[in-house]
Amino acid sequence: MRLCVFGGTGSTGLNVIRVARAEGYDVVALARRPEVLQSQFPGIQVFSGDVYRPESIKAALVNSDAVISTLGPVGRARETTIYSEGVLNIAEAMREFGG
């Protein structure tokens, strides 16, 4: 199974990826800072991108069987639109792939 993770560089996302890899899942992730994931999980495919840019989401979704979002603001950021805008962009891209 190919699992696509959004928000993988946060603490929850890192744990999701760690468990998924331990269970034998093929993991792909979209990250603004792909080097964080590539250094910790050399076996996963990481796309550089942002959930605010729908075109970057689509590349990560290709051939994915399931999607997990652990999106959230960084630190004490006041910006919380990542939940509403990010998940909406993911859902719209999933619809294009028949999800």
C-alpha atoms as a PDB file:
ATOM      1  CA  MET A   1       0.000   0.000   0.000  1.00  0.00           C
ATOM      2  CA  ARG A   2       1.222   3.471  -0.894  1.00  0.00           C
ATOM      3  CA  LEU A   3       0.473   6.037   1.804  1.00  0.00           C
ATOM      4  CA  CYS A   4       0.663   9.771   1.085  1.00  0.00           C
ATOM      5  CA  VAL A   5       1.403  11.951   4.128  1.00  0.00           C
ATOM      6  CA  PHE A   6       0.847  15.693   4.349  1.00  0.00           C
ATOM      7  CA  GLY A   7       2.355  17.484   7.343  1.00  0.00           C
ATOM      8  CA  GLY A   8       5.039  14.848   7.756  1.00  0.00           C
ATOM      9  CA  THR A   9       7.736  17.114   9.185  1.00  0.00           C
ATOM     10  CA  GLY A  10       5.825  17.858  12.398  1.00  0.00           C
ATOM     11  CA  SER A  11       6.005  15.582  15.424  1.00  0.00           C
ATOM     12  CA  THR A  12       2.745  13.786  14.621  1.00  0.00           C
ATOM     13  CA  GLY A  13       3.672  13.406  10.961  1.00  0.00           C
ATOM     14  CA  LEU A  14       7.103  12.014  11.808  1.00  0.00           C
ATOM     15  CA  ASN A  15       5.471   9.407  14.050  1.00  0.00           C
ATOM     16  CA  VAL A  16       2.942   8.482  11.356  1.00  0.00           C
ATOM     17  CA  ILE A  17       5.747   7.947   8.849  1.00  0.00           C
ATOM     18  CA  ARG A  18       7.835   5.990  11.347  1.00  0.00           C
ATOM     19  CA  VAL A  19       4.945   3.608  12.129  1.00  0.00           C
ATOM     20  CA  ALA A  20       3.921   3.270   8.482  1.00  0.00           C
ATOM     21  CA  ARG A  21       7.464   2.344   7.456  1.00  0.00           C
ATOM     22  CA  ALA A  22       7.727  -0.140  10.338  1.00  0.00           C
ATOM     23  CA  GLU A  23       4.501  -1.754   9.095  1.00  0.00           C
ATOM     24  CA  GLY A  24       5.948  -2.047   5.594  1.00  0.00           C
ATOM     25  CA  TYR A  25       3.972   0.684   3.843  1.00  0.00           C
ATOM     26  CA  ASP A  26       5.395   2.533   0.870  1.00  0.00           C
ATOM     27  CA  VAL A  27       5.356   6.170   2.015  1.00  0.00           C
ATOM     28  CA  VAL A  28       5.347   9.315  -0.070  1.00  0.00           C
ATOM     29  CA  ALA A  29       5.197  12.792   1.453  1.00  0.00           C
ATOM     30  CA  LEU A  30       4.850  16.416   0.450  1.00  0.00           C
ATOM     31  CA  ALA A  31       7.000  18.794   2.479  1.00  0.00           C
ATOM     32  CA  ARG A  32       8.142  22.391   2.381  1.00  0.00           C
ATOM     33  CA  ARG A  33      11.383  21.155   3.926  1.00  0.00           C
ATOM     34  CA  PRO A  34      11.977  17.795   2.204  1.00  0.00           C
ATOM     35  CA  GLU A  35      15.478  17.466   3.660  1.00  0.00           C
ATOM     36  CA  VAL A  36      13.944  16.838   7.104  1.00  0.00           C
ATOM     37  CA  LEU A  37      12.231  13.680   5.866  1.00  0.00           C
ATOM     38  CA  GLN A  38      14.959  12.544   3.490  1.00  0.00           C
ATOM     39  CA  SER A  39      17.539  12.536   6.261  1.00  0.00           C
ATOM     40  CA  GLN A  40      15.345  10.596   8.703  1.00  0.00           C
ATOM     41  CA  PHE A  41      13.644   8.231   6.240  1.00  0.00           C
ATOM     42  CA  PRO A  42      15.954   7.533   3.302  1.00  0.00           C
ATOM     43  CA  GLY A  43      13.525   4.998   1.805  1.00  0.00           C
ATOM     44  CA  ILE A  44      10.590   7.316   1.221  1.00  0.00           C
ATOM     45  CA  GLN A  45       9.770   9.500  -1.741  1.00  0.00           C
ATOM     46  CA  VAL A  46       9.493  13.161  -0.788  1.00  0.00           C
ATOM     47  CA  PHE A  47       8.105  15.895  -2.982  1.00  0.00           C
ATOM     48  CA  SER A  48       9.053  19.480  -2.317  1.00  0.00           C
ATOM     49  CA  GLY A  49       5.910  21.567  -2.186  1.00  0.00           C
ATOM     50  CA  ASP A  50       3.237  23.284  -0.206  1.00  0.00           C
ATOM     51  CA  VAL A  51      -0.450  22.493   0.388  1.00  0.00           C
ATOM     52  CA  TYR A  52      -1.235  26.108  -0.492  1.00  0.00           C
ATOM     53  CA  ARG A  53      -0.106  25.267  -4.063  1.00  0.00           C
ATOM     54  CA  PRO A  54      -2.515  22.651  -5.463  1.00  0.00           C
ATOM     55  CA  GLU A  55      -0.212  21.727  -8.327  1.00  0.00           C
ATOM     56  CA  SER A  56       2.400  20.412  -5.893  1.00  0.00           C
ATOM     57  CA  ILE A  57      -0.196  18.236  -4.138  1.00  0.00           C
ATOM     58  CA  LYS A  58      -1.076  16.333  -7.285  1.00  0.00           C
ATOM     59  CA  ALA A  59       2.441  14.994  -7.795  1.00  0.00           C
ATOM     60  CA  ALA A  60       2.429  13.406  -4.341  1.00  0.00           C
ATOM     61  CA  LEU A  61      -0.977  11.802  -4.854  1.00  0.00           C
ATOM     62  CA  VAL A  62      -0.099   9.848  -8.003  1.00  0.00           C
ATOM     63  CA  ASN A  63      -0.576   6.112  -7.338  1.00  0.00           C
ATOM     64  CA  SER A  64      -1.366   6.681  -3.644  1.00  0.00           C
ATOM     65  CA  ASP A  65      -3.855   4.313  -2.014  1.00  0.00           C
ATOM     66  CA  ALA A  66      -4.492   6.356   1.131  1.00  0.00           C
ATOM     67  CA  VAL A  67      -3.912   9.883   2.402  1.00  0.00           C
ATOM     68  CA  ILE A  68      -3.136  11.067   5.914  1.00  0.00           C
ATOM     69  CA  SER A  69      -3.011  14.730   6.855  1.00  0.00           C
ATOM     70  CA  THR A  70      -1.248  15.858   9.999  1.00  0.00           C
ATOM     71  CA  LEU A  71      -1.241  19.492   8.924  1.00  0.00           C
ATOM     72  CA  GLY A  72      -0.914  22.170  11.543  1.00  0.00           C
ATOM     73  CA  PRO A  73       0.668  25.556  12.145  1.00  0.00           C
ATOM     74  CA  VAL A  74       4.328  25.732  13.076  1.00  0.00           C
ATOM     75  CA  GLY A  75       5.018  26.735  16.672  1.00  0.00           C
ATOM     76  CA  ARG A  76       2.789  29.514  17.892  1.00  0.00           C
ATOM     77  CA  ALA A  77       2.004  30.740  14.411  1.00  0.00           C
ATOM     78  CA  ARG A  78      -1.071  32.901  14.190  1.00  0.00           C
ATOM     79  CA  GLU A  79      -1.829  31.599  10.723  1.00  0.00           C
ATOM     80  CA  THR A  80      -4.264  28.707  10.984  1.00  0.00           C
ATOM     81  CA  THR A  81      -5.583  28.671   7.429  1.00  0.00           C
ATOM     82  CA  ILE A  82      -3.405  25.649   6.758  1.00  0.00           C
ATOM     83  CA  TYR A  83      -6.234  23.518   8.140  1.00  0.00           C
ATOM     84  CA  SER A  84      -9.021  24.942   6.006  1.00  0.00           C
ATOM     85  CA  GLU A  85      -7.117  25.844   2.846  1.00  0.00           C
ATOM     86  CA  GLY A  86      -4.637  22.977   2.952  1.00  0.00           C
ATOM     87  CA  VAL A  87      -7.184  20.230   3.506  1.00  0.00           C
ATOM     88  CA  LEU A  88      -9.512  21.745   0.916  1.00  0.00           C
ATOM     89  CA  ASN A  89      -6.695  21.712  -1.650  1.00  0.00           C
ATOM     90  CA  ILE A  90      -5.853  18.097  -0.769  1.00  0.00           C
ATOM     91  CA  ALA A  91      -9.511  17.041  -1.045  1.00  0.00           C
ATOM     92  CA  GLU A  92      -9.917  18.745  -4.412  1.00  0.00           C
ATOM     93  CA  ALA A  93      -6.787  17.050  -5.759  1.00  0.00           C
ATOM     94  CA  MET A  94      -7.994  13.688  -4.428  1.00  0.00           C
ATOM     95  CA  ARG A  95     -11.282  14.155  -6.289  1.00  0.00           C
ATOM     96  CA  GLU A  96      -9.336  14.540  -9.519  1.00  0.00           C
ATOM     97  CA  PHE A  97      -7.699  11.163  -8.846  1.00  0.00           C
ATOM     98  CA  GLY A  98     -11.018   9.523  -8.033  1.00  0.00           C
ATOM     99  CA  GLY A  99     -10.592   9.574  -4.241  1.00  0.00           C
END
